[in-house]
Amino acid sequence: MYDFFFVLIPRHMPYLLEGALVTLELSITSMAFALVLGILVALGRLSDRALLARPLDAYVEIWRDVPLVVQLLVIYFTLPQIGIRLPGFWAGVLGLSLNLGAYLSEVFRAAITSIDDGQREAGLSIGMSRTMIYSRVILPQALRIALPTVGGYFISLLKDSSLVSFIAVNELLRHGTIVISSTFRSMEIYLMVAMIYFVMSFTASRLVARLEFILTPKHLRRNVPTVAPTPLDALPAAHTSTSTP
């Protein structure tokens, strides 16, 4: 125990944190692209144009039905055979973004369809265009509805980003593997890696919860009283009845 806290952590934690920084960069960049992709795909699948909706349906099915690690390997090792070469980091961003975008498109599609159609009709009745209705009325509400699920996917993305170690990206898990290969202390190093992942995921979950609270209108926030009032019919009988002569 002494060796773990006073030798291994001071010696190897800085190197592992360098990998954690790459993990954060990879996750945040992929999440940004996936959000845009998910919204666009959701809107495209909700359109009346079959030539647009059908290919997007196929994209969602393919990228949800194939394991993420296989997608990353195909992007990194197969695309160069047709002349498309990407650095490991950007190959990871592309794979994670396409994979997560397919899932987020379903989240945004459900959120958009949950908005009352009366709001669309009201916007059209006052002369608003469809673009204006979606940008000012529908999408802001849909984004707030989808926020908890999107936050959950971001936390999953932090952990799934460890798969890019298969395509030689020096993120947190790969840094841990490198340290293990030189120290042969797998249990202690993997414990340190797990601690870092936990801190990142827990911090992300708290930030998402705070953002959800800020974006929720005050009248929709749940105010739970510390002490519930006692109804009159719940009072003891001796306090509510009168004695008879």
C-alpha atoms as a PDB file:
ATOM      1  CA  MET A   1       0.000   0.000   0.000  1.00  0.00           C
ATOM      2  CA  TYR A   2       2.837   2.393   0.851  1.00  0.00           C
ATOM      3  CA  ASP A   3       4.483   1.593  -2.478  1.00  0.00           C
ATOM      4  CA  PHE A   4       1.251   2.338  -4.356  1.00  0.00           C
ATOM      5  CA  PHE A   5       0.569   5.750  -2.809  1.00  0.00           C
ATOM      6  CA  PHE A   6       4.106   7.057  -2.404  1.00  0.00           C
ATOM      7  CA  VAL A   7       5.995   5.457  -5.303  1.00  0.00           C
ATOM      8  CA  LEU A   8       3.736   4.374  -8.172  1.00  0.00           C
ATOM      9  CA  ILE A   9       1.273   7.288  -8.097  1.00  0.00           C
ATOM     10  CA  PRO A  10       3.901  10.078  -7.955  1.00  0.00           C
ATOM     11  CA  ARG A  11       6.005   8.342 -10.603  1.00  0.00           C
ATOM     12  CA  HIS A  12       3.364   7.336 -13.170  1.00  0.00           C
ATOM     13  CA  MET A  13       0.302   9.515 -12.560  1.00  0.00           C
ATOM     14  CA  PRO A  14       1.615  12.490 -14.606  1.00  0.00           C
ATOM     15  CA  TYR A  15       2.132  10.234 -17.623  1.00  0.00           C
ATOM     16  CA  LEU A  16      -1.329   8.731 -17.223  1.00  0.00           C
ATOM     17  CA  LEU A  17      -2.844  12.211 -16.957  1.00  0.00           C
ATOM     18  CA  GLU A  18      -1.263  13.068 -20.312  1.00  0.00           C
ATOM     19  CA  GLY A  19      -3.237  10.191 -21.769  1.00  0.00           C
ATOM     20  CA  ALA A  20      -6.364  11.383 -19.926  1.00  0.00           C
ATOM     21  CA  LEU A  21      -5.987  14.773 -21.610  1.00  0.00           C
ATOM     22  CA  VAL A  22      -5.976  13.075 -25.014  1.00  0.00           C
ATOM     23  CA  THR A  23      -9.074  11.119 -23.949  1.00  0.00           C
ATOM     24  CA  LEU A  24     -10.871  14.361 -23.070  1.00  0.00           C
ATOM     25  CA  GLU A  25      -9.845  16.011 -26.338  1.00  0.00           C
ATOM     26  CA  LEU A  26     -10.990  12.977 -28.298  1.00  0.00           C
ATOM     27  CA  SER A  27     -14.312  12.724 -26.435  1.00  0.00           C
ATOM     28  CA  ILE A  28     -15.203  16.422 -26.591  1.00  0.00           C
ATOM     29  CA  THR A  29     -14.317  16.711 -30.296  1.00  0.00           C
ATOM     30  CA  SER A  30     -16.255  13.547 -31.160  1.00  0.00           C
ATOM     31  CA  MET A  31     -19.247  14.692 -29.095  1.00  0.00           C
ATOM     32  CA  ALA A  32     -19.364  18.041 -30.888  1.00  0.00           C
ATOM     33  CA  PHE A  33     -19.425  16.395 -34.324  1.00  0.00           C
ATOM     34  CA  ALA A  34     -21.887  13.727 -33.146  1.00  0.00           C
ATOM     35  CA  LEU A  35     -24.331  16.359 -31.849  1.00  0.00           C
ATOM     36  CA  VAL A  36     -24.426  18.158 -35.180  1.00  0.00           C
ATOM     37  CA  LEU A  37     -24.644  14.893 -37.092  1.00  0.00           C
ATOM     38  CA  GLY A  38     -27.370  13.517 -34.821  1.00  0.00           C
ATOM     39  CA  ILE A  39     -29.567  16.611 -35.215  1.00  0.00           C
ATOM     40  CA  LEU A  40     -29.150  16.709 -39.004  1.00  0.00           C
ATOM     41  CA  VAL A  41     -29.852  12.994 -39.382  1.00  0.00           C
ATOM     42  CA  ALA A  42     -32.917  13.247 -37.124  1.00  0.00           C
ATOM     43  CA  LEU A  43     -34.311  16.136 -39.180  1.00  0.00           C
ATOM     44  CA  GLY A  44     -33.560  14.291 -42.404  1.00  0.00           C
ATOM     45  CA  ARG A  45     -35.308  11.131 -41.244  1.00  0.00           C
ATOM     46  CA  LEU A  46     -38.372  13.163 -40.240  1.00  0.00           C
ATOM     47  CA  SER A  47     -38.603  14.797 -43.656  1.00  0.00           C
ATOM     48  CA  ASP A  48     -41.088  13.708 -46.304  1.00  0.00           C
ATOM     49  CA  ARG A  49     -38.350  13.091 -48.872  1.00  0.00           C
ATOM     50  CA  ALA A  50     -37.799   9.355 -49.220  1.00  0.00           C
ATOM     51  CA  LEU A  51     -34.568   9.885 -51.182  1.00  0.00           C
ATOM     52  CA  LEU A  52     -33.139  11.576 -48.081  1.00  0.00           C
ATOM     53  CA  ALA A  53     -34.774   9.531 -45.323  1.00  0.00           C
ATOM     54  CA  ARG A  54     -34.006   6.060 -46.718  1.00  0.00           C
ATOM     55  CA  PRO A  55     -30.193   6.437 -46.893  1.00  0.00           C
ATOM     56  CA  LEU A  56     -30.195   7.983 -43.418  1.00  0.00           C
ATOM     57  CA  ASP A  57     -32.201   5.046 -42.097  1.00  0.00           C
ATOM     58  CA  ALA A  58     -29.595   2.715 -43.586  1.00  0.00           C
ATOM     59  CA  TYR A  59     -26.764   4.698 -41.978  1.00  0.00           C
ATOM     60  CA  VAL A  60     -28.376   4.492 -38.527  1.00  0.00           C
ATOM     61  CA  GLU A  61     -28.976   0.755 -38.815  1.00  0.00           C
ATOM     62  CA  ILE A  62     -25.474  -0.043 -40.057  1.00  0.00           C
ATOM     63  CA  TRP A  63     -23.618   2.036 -37.491  1.00  0.00           C
ATOM     64  CA  ARG A  64     -25.751   0.792 -34.602  1.00  0.00           C
ATOM     65  CA  ASP A  65     -25.476  -2.874 -35.617  1.00  0.00           C
ATOM     66  CA  VAL A  66     -21.698  -3.063 -36.122  1.00  0.00           C
ATOM     67  CA  PRO A  67     -19.386  -3.040 -33.055  1.00  0.00           C
ATOM     68  CA  LEU A  68     -17.549   0.225 -32.518  1.00  0.00           C
ATOM     69  CA  VAL A  69     -14.126  -1.425 -32.427  1.00  0.00           C
ATOM     70  CA  VAL A  70     -14.772  -2.962 -35.866  1.00  0.00           C
ATOM     71  CA  GLN A  71     -15.762   0.452 -37.234  1.00  0.00           C
ATOM     72  CA  LEU A  72     -12.545   1.980 -35.908  1.00  0.00           C
ATOM     73  CA  LEU A  73     -10.431  -0.792 -37.412  1.00  0.00           C
ATOM     74  CA  VAL A  74     -12.142  -0.441 -40.791  1.00  0.00           C
ATOM     75  CA  ILE A  75     -11.632   3.332 -40.830  1.00  0.00           C
ATOM     76  CA  TYR A  76      -7.983   3.168 -39.765  1.00  0.00           C
ATOM     77  CA  PHE A  77      -6.802   0.139 -41.744  1.00  0.00           C
ATOM     78  CA  THR A  78      -9.170  -0.082 -44.736  1.00  0.00           C
ATOM     79  CA  LEU A  79      -9.592   3.522 -45.853  1.00  0.00           C
ATOM     80  CA  PRO A  80      -5.856   3.851 -46.711  1.00  0.00           C
ATOM     81  CA  GLN A  81      -6.360   1.101 -49.286  1.00  0.00           C
ATOM     82  CA  ILE A  82      -8.635   3.454 -51.248  1.00  0.00           C
ATOM     83  CA  GLY A  83      -6.337   6.445 -50.787  1.00  0.00           C
ATOM     84  CA  ILE A  84      -7.852   7.984 -47.649  1.00  0.00           C
ATOM     85  CA  ARG A  85      -5.278   8.193 -44.866  1.00  0.00           C
ATOM     86  CA  LEU A  86      -6.171   9.668 -41.507  1.00  0.00           C
ATOM     87  CA  PRO A  87      -3.992  10.113 -38.411  1.00  0.00           C
ATOM     88  CA  GLY A  88      -4.983   7.853 -35.543  1.00  0.00           C
ATOM     89  CA  PHE A  89      -6.582  10.697 -33.578  1.00  0.00           C
ATOM     90  CA  TRP A  90      -8.824  11.834 -36.429  1.00  0.00           C
ATOM     91  CA  ALA A  91      -9.653   8.270 -37.415  1.00  0.00           C
ATOM     92  CA  GLY A  92     -10.843   7.815 -33.835  1.00  0.00           C
ATOM     93  CA  VAL A  93     -12.859  11.045 -33.987  1.00  0.00           C
ATOM     94  CA  LEU A  94     -14.482   9.939 -37.243  1.00  0.00           C
ATOM     95  CA  GLY A  95     -15.392   6.505 -35.912  1.00  0.00           C
ATOM     96  CA  LEU A  96     -16.698   7.751 -32.576  1.00  0.00           C
ATOM     97  CA  SER A  97     -18.650  10.598 -34.198  1.00  0.00           C
ATOM     98  CA  LEU A  98     -20.343   8.381 -36.781  1.00  0.00           C
ATOM     99  CA  ASN A  99     -21.172   5.758 -34.169  1.00  0.00           C
ATOM    100  CA  LEU A 100     -22.515   8.174 -31.575  1.00  0.00           C
ATOM    101  CA  GLY A 101     -24.289  10.288 -34.203  1.00  0.00           C
ATOM    102  CA  ALA A 102     -26.417   7.271 -35.154  1.00  0.00           C
ATOM    103  CA  TYR A 103     -27.556   6.831 -31.556  1.00  0.00           C
ATOM    104  CA  LEU A 104     -28.104  10.540 -30.955  1.00  0.00           C
ATOM    105  CA  SER A 105     -30.218  10.804 -34.100  1.00  0.00           C
ATOM    106  CA  GLU A 106     -32.725   8.460 -32.483  1.00  0.00           C
ATOM    107  CA  VAL A 107     -32.643  10.513 -29.277  1.00  0.00           C
ATOM    108  CA  PHE A 108     -33.268  13.778 -31.123  1.00  0.00           C
ATOM    109  CA  ARG A 109     -35.916  12.208 -33.371  1.00  0.00           C
ATOM    110  CA  ALA A 110     -37.865  11.051 -30.326  1.00  0.00           C
ATOM    111  CA  ALA A 111     -37.450  14.444 -28.635  1.00  0.00           C
ATOM    112  CA  ILE A 112     -38.623  16.333 -31.715  1.00  0.00           C
ATOM    113  CA  THR A 113     -41.687  14.141 -32.222  1.00  0.00           C
ATOM    114  CA  SER A 114     -42.614  14.603 -28.554  1.00  0.00           C
ATOM    115  CA  ILE A 115     -43.242  18.323 -29.144  1.00  0.00           C
ATOM    116  CA  ASP A 116     -46.937  19.081 -29.566  1.00  0.00           C
ATOM    117  CA  ASP A 117     -47.934  19.555 -33.219  1.00  0.00           C
ATOM    118  CA  GLY A 118     -50.021  22.517 -32.127  1.00  0.00           C
ATOM    119  CA  GLN A 119     -46.858  24.546 -31.725  1.00  0.00           C
ATOM    120  CA  ARG A 120     -45.925  23.940 -35.348  1.00  0.00           C
ATOM    121  CA  GLU A 121     -49.411  24.884 -36.479  1.00  0.00           C
ATOM    122  CA  ALA A 122     -49.346  28.027 -34.330  1.00  0.00           C
ATOM    123  CA  GLY A 123     -46.035  29.044 -35.885  1.00  0.00           C
ATOM    124  CA  LEU A 124     -47.349  28.538 -39.397  1.00  0.00           C
ATOM    125  CA  SER A 125     -50.503  30.503 -38.569  1.00  0.00           C
ATOM    126  CA  ILE A 126     -48.485  33.602 -37.681  1.00  0.00           C
ATOM    127  CA  GLY A 127     -46.357  33.384 -40.819  1.00  0.00           C
ATOM    128  CA  MET A 128     -43.223  31.670 -39.506  1.00  0.00           C
ATOM    129  CA  SER A 129     -41.278  29.513 -41.932  1.00  0.00           C
ATOM    130  CA  ARG A 130     -40.532  25.860 -41.171  1.00  0.00           C
ATOM    131  CA  THR A 131     -36.870  26.739 -40.636  1.00  0.00           C
ATOM    132  CA  MET A 132     -37.780  29.448 -38.154  1.00  0.00           C
ATOM    133  CA  ILE A 133     -40.237  27.182 -36.332  1.00  0.00           C
ATOM    134  CA  TYR A 134     -37.615  24.480 -35.873  1.00  0.00           C
ATOM    135  CA  SER A 135     -34.776  26.825 -34.923  1.00  0.00           C
ATOM    136  CA  ARG A 136     -36.755  28.986 -32.479  1.00  0.00           C
ATOM    137  CA  VAL A 137     -39.539  26.745 -31.186  1.00  0.00           C
ATOM    138  CA  ILE A 138     -39.009  23.018 -31.747  1.00  0.00           C
ATOM    139  CA  LEU A 139     -35.263  22.447 -31.427  1.00  0.00           C
ATOM    140  CA  PRO A 140     -34.722  24.439 -28.182  1.00  0.00           C
ATOM    141  CA  GLN A 141     -37.398  22.354 -26.460  1.00  0.00           C
ATOM    142  CA  ALA A 142     -36.169  19.111 -28.016  1.00  0.00           C
ATOM    143  CA  LEU A 143     -32.588  19.779 -26.920  1.00  0.00           C
ATOM    144  CA  ARG A 144     -33.721  20.323 -23.344  1.00  0.00           C
ATOM    145  CA  ILE A 145     -35.741  17.098 -23.404  1.00  0.00           C
ATOM    146  CA  ALA A 146     -32.818  15.154 -24.890  1.00  0.00           C
ATOM    147  CA  LEU A 147     -30.170  16.633 -22.589  1.00  0.00           C
ATOM    148  CA  PRO A 148     -30.189  13.912 -19.865  1.00  0.00           C
ATOM    149  CA  THR A 149     -29.852  11.148 -22.453  1.00  0.00           C
ATOM    150  CA  VAL A 150     -27.197  13.059 -24.383  1.00  0.00           C
ATOM    151  CA  GLY A 151     -25.270  13.533 -21.145  1.00  0.00           C
ATOM    152  CA  GLY A 152     -25.419   9.811 -20.508  1.00  0.00           C
ATOM    153  CA  TYR A 153     -24.056   9.116 -23.971  1.00  0.00           C
ATOM    154  CA  PHE A 154     -21.184  11.548 -23.355  1.00  0.00           C
ATOM    155  CA  ILE A 155     -20.215   9.666 -20.204  1.00  0.00           C
ATOM    156  CA  SER A 156     -20.318   6.430 -22.201  1.00  0.00           C
ATOM    157  CA  LEU A 157     -18.190   8.101 -24.864  1.00  0.00           C
ATOM    158  CA  LEU A 158     -15.499   8.888 -22.282  1.00  0.00           C
ATOM    159  CA  LYS A 159     -15.238   5.178 -21.570  1.00  0.00           C
ATOM    160  CA  ASP A 160     -15.703   3.954 -25.156  1.00  0.00           C
ATOM    161  CA  SER A 161     -12.851   6.207 -26.281  1.00  0.00           C
ATOM    162  CA  SER A 162     -10.522   3.623 -24.752  1.00  0.00           C
ATOM    163  CA  LEU A 163     -11.169   1.524 -27.874  1.00  0.00           C
ATOM    164  CA  VAL A 164      -9.071   3.899 -29.968  1.00  0.00           C
ATOM    165  CA  SER A 165      -6.036   2.321 -28.331  1.00  0.00           C
ATOM    166  CA  PHE A 166      -6.543  -0.438 -30.920  1.00  0.00           C
ATOM    167  CA  ILE A 167      -5.599   2.052 -33.639  1.00  0.00           C
ATOM    168  CA  ALA A 168      -2.478   3.314 -31.853  1.00  0.00           C
ATOM    169  CA  VAL A 169      -3.913   6.497 -30.313  1.00  0.00           C
ATOM    170  CA  ASN A 170      -1.996   7.351 -27.140  1.00  0.00           C
ATOM    171  CA  GLU A 171      -4.977   7.956 -24.883  1.00  0.00           C
ATOM    172  CA  LEU A 172      -5.375   6.972 -21.232  1.00  0.00           C
ATOM    173  CA  LEU A 173      -5.682   3.199 -21.584  1.00  0.00           C
ATOM    174  CA  ARG A 174      -2.780   2.965 -24.014  1.00  0.00           C
ATOM    175  CA  HIS A 175      -0.619   5.013 -21.661  1.00  0.00           C
ATOM    176  CA  GLY A 176      -1.551   2.588 -18.909  1.00  0.00           C
ATOM    177  CA  THR A 177      -0.594  -0.366 -21.102  1.00  0.00           C
ATOM    178  CA  ILE A 178       2.775   1.226 -21.836  1.00  0.00           C
ATOM    179  CA  VAL A 179       3.449   1.715 -18.133  1.00  0.00           C
ATOM    180  CA  ILE A 180       2.470  -1.893 -17.394  1.00  0.00           C
ATOM    181  CA  SER A 181       4.853  -3.179 -20.059  1.00  0.00           C
ATOM    182  CA  SER A 182       7.756  -1.508 -18.244  1.00  0.00           C
ATOM    183  CA  THR A 183       6.728  -2.071 -14.603  1.00  0.00           C
ATOM    184  CA  PHE A 184       4.779  -5.381 -14.739  1.00  0.00           C
ATOM    185  CA  ARG A 185       2.440  -3.897 -12.082  1.00  0.00           C
ATOM    186  CA  SER A 186      -0.809  -4.467 -13.938  1.00  0.00           C
ATOM    187  CA  MET A 187      -3.163  -4.459 -10.952  1.00  0.00           C
ATOM    188  CA  GLU A 188      -1.899  -1.152  -9.542  1.00  0.00           C
ATOM    189  CA  ILE A 189      -1.675   0.616 -12.916  1.00  0.00           C
ATOM    190  CA  TYR A 190      -5.132  -0.507 -14.033  1.00  0.00           C
ATOM    191  CA  LEU A 191      -6.463   0.696 -10.673  1.00  0.00           C
ATOM    192  CA  MET A 192      -4.949   4.122 -11.332  1.00  0.00           C
ATOM    193  CA  VAL A 193      -6.477   4.148 -14.831  1.00  0.00           C
ATOM    194  CA  ALA A 194      -9.874   3.213 -13.366  1.00  0.00           C
ATOM    195  CA  MET A 195      -9.601   6.015 -10.806  1.00  0.00           C
ATOM    196  CA  ILE A 196      -8.954   8.561 -13.544  1.00  0.00           C
ATOM    197  CA  TYR A 197     -11.874   7.302 -15.639  1.00  0.00           C
ATOM    198  CA  PHE A 198     -14.138   7.492 -12.582  1.00  0.00           C
ATOM    199  CA  VAL A 199     -13.131  11.078 -11.804  1.00  0.00           C
ATOM    200  CA  MET A 200     -13.717  12.167 -15.411  1.00  0.00           C
ATOM    201  CA  SER A 201     -17.070  10.386 -15.675  1.00  0.00           C
ATOM    202  CA  PHE A 202     -18.305  11.589 -12.274  1.00  0.00           C
ATOM    203  CA  THR A 203     -17.331  15.179 -13.074  1.00  0.00           C
ATOM    204  CA  ALA A 204     -19.093  14.960 -16.436  1.00  0.00           C
ATOM    205  CA  SER A 205     -22.264  13.611 -14.821  1.00  0.00           C
ATOM    206  CA  ARG A 206     -22.303  16.480 -12.296  1.00  0.00           C
ATOM    207  CA  LEU A 207     -21.797  19.052 -15.067  1.00  0.00           C
ATOM    208  CA  VAL A 208     -24.623  17.549 -17.123  1.00  0.00           C
ATOM    209  CA  ALA A 209     -26.944  17.585 -14.112  1.00  0.00           C
ATOM    210  CA  ARG A 210     -26.081  21.220 -13.438  1.00  0.00           C
ATOM    211  CA  LEU A 211     -26.625  22.170 -17.072  1.00  0.00           C
ATOM    212  CA  GLU A 212     -29.981  20.398 -17.073  1.00  0.00           C
ATOM    213  CA  PHE A 213     -31.016  22.342 -13.968  1.00  0.00           C
ATOM    214  CA  ILE A 214     -29.980  25.667 -15.529  1.00  0.00           C
ATOM    215  CA  LEU A 215     -31.820  25.032 -18.811  1.00  0.00           C
ATOM    216  CA  THR A 216     -35.014  23.829 -17.152  1.00  0.00           C
ATOM    217  CA  PRO A 217     -37.587  26.622 -16.617  1.00  0.00           C
ATOM    218  CA  LYS A 218     -38.220  27.435 -12.993  1.00  0.00           C
ATOM    219  CA  HIS A 219     -41.832  26.292 -13.082  1.00  0.00           C
ATOM    220  CA  LEU A 220     -40.726  22.831 -14.218  1.00  0.00           C
ATOM    221  CA  ARG A 221     -38.094  22.312 -11.542  1.00  0.00           C
ATOM    222  CA  ARG A 222     -39.037  19.931  -8.783  1.00  0.00           C
ATOM    223  CA  ASN A 223     -39.191  21.603  -5.388  1.00  0.00           C
ATOM    224  CA  VAL A 224     -39.449  18.884  -2.776  1.00  0.00           C
ATOM    225  CA  PRO A 225     -40.405  20.329   0.664  1.00  0.00           C
ATOM    226  CA  THR A 226     -38.276  19.241   3.566  1.00  0.00           C
ATOM    227  CA  VAL A 227     -41.308  18.650   5.809  1.00  0.00           C
ATOM    228  CA  ALA A 228     -44.634  17.735   4.281  1.00  0.00           C
ATOM    229  CA  PRO A 229     -47.704  19.402   5.828  1.00  0.00           C
ATOM    230  CA  THR A 230     -49.911  17.080   7.844  1.00  0.00           C
ATOM    231  CA  PRO A 231     -53.524  16.873   6.600  1.00  0.00           C
ATOM    232  CA  LEU A 232     -56.285  17.314   9.131  1.00  0.00           C
ATOM    233  CA  ASP A 233     -57.669  13.839   8.590  1.00  0.00           C
ATOM    234  CA  ALA A 234     -54.291  12.358   9.510  1.00  0.00           C
ATOM    235  CA  LEU A 235     -54.301  13.885  12.991  1.00  0.00           C
ATOM    236  CA  PRO A 236     -54.910  11.595  15.986  1.00  0.00           C
ATOM    237  CA  ALA A 237     -58.555  10.999  16.835  1.00  0.00           C
ATOM    238  CA  ALA A 238     -58.142  12.547  20.295  1.00  0.00           C
ATOM    239  CA  HIS A 239     -57.286  15.867  18.611  1.00  0.00           C
ATOM    240  CA  THR A 240     -60.112  15.883  16.107  1.00  0.00           C
ATOM    241  CA  SER A 241     -63.092  14.554  18.041  1.00  0.00           C
ATOM    242  CA  THR A 242     -64.994  16.066  20.937  1.00  0.00           C
ATOM    243  CA  SER A 243     -65.998  14.157  24.045  1.00  0.00           C
ATOM    244  CA  THR A 244     -69.668  13.376  24.636  1.00  0.00           C
ATOM    245  CA  PRO A 245     -71.343  13.891  28.029  1.00  0.00           C
END
